[in-house]
Amino acid sequence: RAIKPPVSSGLTRFWSWVFGITAAALFIFLVVHIVLRKLKDREGQEARKPPIERAKIELGRLKDHGYLEEKNYKAFYSGLSDVLRRYLARRFGVAALDLTTNELVERLTKQPLDKEVRDEIAEVLKGSDLVKFAKFAPSYDMAGRLEKLLLDVVERTRPTNEESK
């Protein structure tokens, strides 16, 4: 009679599958870890910038999204409002993201701001609220005007040399 070849118990196939899946999972984990670390480093570099520069960067990103060209007004004005609110939170230490527009404007009366600047802040926030909540259809000019007001607020609230020390 002929000699029969060795019989596979199936365990070698099982362990090769386990090893392959483990190696693939480890590879995916490493790739995700590296990507997240790079994103965190980029955010960390941006976080070290002064509030004025960060507001300008965020406004540039908002404009690059092309929401106005797509007529996605709600997204654009929500972003515009958020840029201003994050700037005010960083600059003045006010919980601007957690407050309503009226509460925020009221809190800003306690800050060393000109009445004109407070009025400009209120105009940007209330104009954004109209689009976000009242489904107001804004003109293209309104977006440009509110952007200019936002930049004006950022420039006019620049910390003085004494404050930055």
Protein backbone atom coordinates (compact mmCIF):
# COMPACT_ATOMS: atom_id res chain seq x y z
CA ARG A 1 0.00 0.00 0.00
CA ALA A 2 1.02 3.62 -0.62
CA ILE A 3 1.93 5.86 2.26
CA LYS A 4 -0.66 8.54 2.91
CA PRO A 5 0.51 12.14 3.12
CA PRO A 6 0.26 13.97 6.45
CA VAL A 7 -3.23 15.13 7.29
CA SER A 8 -3.72 18.82 8.05
CA SER A 9 -5.65 19.42 11.21
CA GLY A 10 -6.92 22.82 10.04
CA LEU A 11 -5.14 24.58 12.87
CA THR A 12 -2.34 25.86 10.65
CA ARG A 13 -4.91 27.46 8.38
CA PHE A 14 -6.67 28.97 11.41
CA TRP A 15 -3.46 30.45 12.83
CA SER A 16 -2.42 31.86 9.48
CA TRP A 17 -5.78 33.66 9.28
CA VAL A 18 -5.40 34.97 12.83
CA PHE A 19 -1.88 36.17 12.08
CA GLY A 20 -2.99 37.86 8.83
CA ILE A 21 -5.94 39.64 10.43
CA THR A 22 -3.82 40.75 13.38
CA ALA A 23 -1.12 42.10 11.07
CA ALA A 24 -3.71 43.98 8.99
CA ALA A 25 -5.35 45.45 12.11
CA LEU A 26 -1.96 46.54 13.46
CA PHE A 27 -1.08 48.17 10.14
CA ILE A 28 -4.40 50.07 10.04
CA PHE A 29 -3.94 51.14 13.67
CA LEU A 30 -0.47 52.51 12.94
CA VAL A 31 -1.62 54.42 9.86
CA VAL A 32 -4.53 55.99 11.76
CA HIS A 33 -2.26 56.83 14.68
CA ILE A 34 0.28 58.57 12.43
CA VAL A 35 -2.41 60.54 10.59
CA LEU A 36 -4.06 61.67 13.83
CA ARG A 37 -0.71 62.71 15.29
CA LYS A 38 0.05 64.84 12.23
CA LEU A 39 -3.38 66.49 12.45
CA LYS A 40 -2.89 67.14 16.15
CA ASP A 41 0.52 68.70 15.52
CA ARG A 42 -0.98 70.99 12.88
CA GLU A 43 -3.78 71.99 15.26
CA GLY A 44 -1.23 72.51 18.02
CA GLN A 45 0.77 74.87 15.86
CA GLU A 46 -2.38 76.79 15.02
CA ALA A 47 -3.45 76.88 18.68
CA ARG A 48 -0.24 78.69 19.59
CA LYS A 49 -1.07 81.56 17.25
CA PRO A 50 -2.70 84.72 18.61
CA PRO A 51 -6.51 84.95 18.45
CA ILE A 52 -6.37 87.52 15.64
CA GLU A 53 -4.40 85.26 13.33
CA ARG A 54 -6.57 82.27 14.18
CA ALA A 55 -9.74 84.22 13.36
CA LYS A 56 -8.30 85.24 9.99
CA ILE A 57 -7.26 81.65 9.22
CA GLU A 58 -10.71 80.35 10.16
CA LEU A 59 -12.42 83.01 8.04
CA GLY A 60 -10.20 82.08 5.09
CA ARG A 61 -11.14 78.41 5.50
CA LEU A 62 -14.81 79.35 5.65
CA LYS A 63 -14.56 81.30 2.42
CA ASP A 64 -12.63 78.44 0.77
CA HIS A 65 -15.50 76.05 1.44
CA GLY A 66 -17.54 77.88 -1.21
CA TYR A 67 -20.80 77.90 0.73
CA LEU A 68 -21.94 81.16 -0.86
CA GLU A 69 -21.34 79.86 -4.38
CA GLU A 70 -23.34 76.73 -3.51
CA LYS A 71 -26.05 78.94 -1.97
CA ASN A 72 -25.63 77.11 1.32
CA TYR A 73 -26.24 80.28 3.30
CA LYS A 74 -27.02 78.62 6.60
CA ALA A 75 -23.63 76.88 6.70
CA PHE A 76 -21.78 80.07 5.75
CA TYR A 77 -23.48 82.29 8.31
CA SER A 78 -23.21 79.62 11.03
CA GLY A 79 -19.49 79.46 10.33
CA LEU A 80 -19.18 83.25 10.31
CA SER A 81 -20.91 83.46 13.67
CA ASP A 82 -18.72 80.67 15.07
CA VAL A 83 -15.52 82.35 13.91
CA LEU A 84 -16.50 85.54 15.73
CA ARG A 85 -17.65 83.68 18.83
CA ARG A 86 -14.42 81.64 19.05
CA TYR A 87 -12.39 84.83 18.61
CA LEU A 88 -14.30 86.57 21.41
CA ALA A 89 -13.87 83.52 23.65
CA ARG A 90 -10.11 83.45 23.07
CA ARG A 91 -9.60 87.20 23.23
CA PHE A 92 -11.82 88.12 26.18
CA GLY A 93 -12.33 84.82 28.00
CA VAL A 94 -16.10 84.95 27.54
CA ALA A 95 -18.00 81.67 27.07
CA ALA A 96 -19.21 82.99 23.73
CA LEU A 97 -20.07 79.62 22.21
CA ASP A 98 -22.43 78.78 25.07
CA LEU A 99 -24.34 82.08 25.14
CA THR A 100 -27.18 83.38 23.03
CA THR A 101 -26.53 86.47 20.96
CA ASN A 102 -28.28 88.76 23.43
CA GLU A 103 -26.47 87.24 26.42
CA LEU A 104 -23.14 87.61 24.65
CA VAL A 105 -23.74 91.24 23.72
CA GLU A 106 -24.77 91.91 27.33
CA ARG A 107 -21.60 90.26 28.67
CA LEU A 108 -19.46 92.29 26.29
CA THR A 109 -20.70 95.50 27.93
CA LYS A 110 -18.49 94.50 30.87
CA GLN A 111 -15.42 94.31 28.60
CA PRO A 112 -13.28 97.33 27.71
CA LEU A 113 -14.84 97.78 24.25
CA ASP A 114 -16.07 100.81 22.37
CA LYS A 115 -19.80 101.00 21.81
CA GLU A 116 -19.16 100.96 18.05
CA VAL A 117 -17.30 97.65 18.31
CA ARG A 118 -20.08 96.14 20.43
CA ASP A 119 -22.62 97.31 17.85
CA GLU A 120 -20.58 95.73 15.04
CA ILE A 121 -20.37 92.46 16.98
CA ALA A 122 -24.13 92.54 17.55
CA GLU A 123 -24.76 93.27 13.85
CA VAL A 124 -22.66 90.29 12.71
CA LEU A 125 -24.26 87.93 15.21
CA LYS A 126 -27.84 89.11 14.63
CA GLY A 127 -27.39 89.07 10.86
CA SER A 128 -26.11 85.51 11.10
CA ASP A 129 -28.99 84.54 13.38
CA LEU A 130 -31.50 85.79 10.81
CA VAL A 131 -30.12 83.41 8.22
CA LYS A 132 -29.54 80.51 10.61
CA PHE A 133 -32.86 80.55 12.43
CA ALA A 134 -35.36 82.68 10.50
CA LYS A 135 -34.52 81.23 7.06
CA PHE A 136 -33.79 84.71 5.76
CA ALA A 137 -32.45 84.74 2.19
CA PRO A 138 -29.50 87.16 2.32
CA SER A 139 -27.98 89.07 -0.54
CA TYR A 140 -24.39 88.44 -1.59
CA ASP A 141 -23.56 91.97 -0.42
CA MET A 142 -24.68 91.13 3.11
CA ALA A 143 -22.09 88.37 3.34
CA GLY A 144 -19.32 90.72 2.26
CA ARG A 145 -20.46 93.43 4.67
CA LEU A 146 -20.57 91.03 7.62
CA GLU A 147 -17.14 89.64 6.72
CA LYS A 148 -15.74 93.18 6.68
CA LEU A 149 -17.39 93.93 10.02
CA LEU A 150 -15.91 90.77 11.51
CA LEU A 151 -12.43 91.68 10.30
CA ASP A 152 -12.93 95.24 11.58
CA VAL A 153 -13.89 93.89 15.02
CA VAL A 154 -10.83 91.64 15.05
CA GLU A 155 -8.50 94.50 14.10
CA ARG A 156 -10.06 97.01 16.49
CA THR A 157 -9.85 94.62 19.45
CA ARG A 158 -6.18 93.84 18.86
CA PRO A 159 -4.43 93.72 22.23
CA THR A 160 -2.18 96.62 23.02
CA ASN A 161 1.47 96.07 23.89
CA GLU A 162 0.67 96.48 27.59
CA GLU A 163 -2.07 93.81 27.45
CA SER A 164 0.07 91.25 25.63
CA LYS A 165 2.79 91.36 28.34
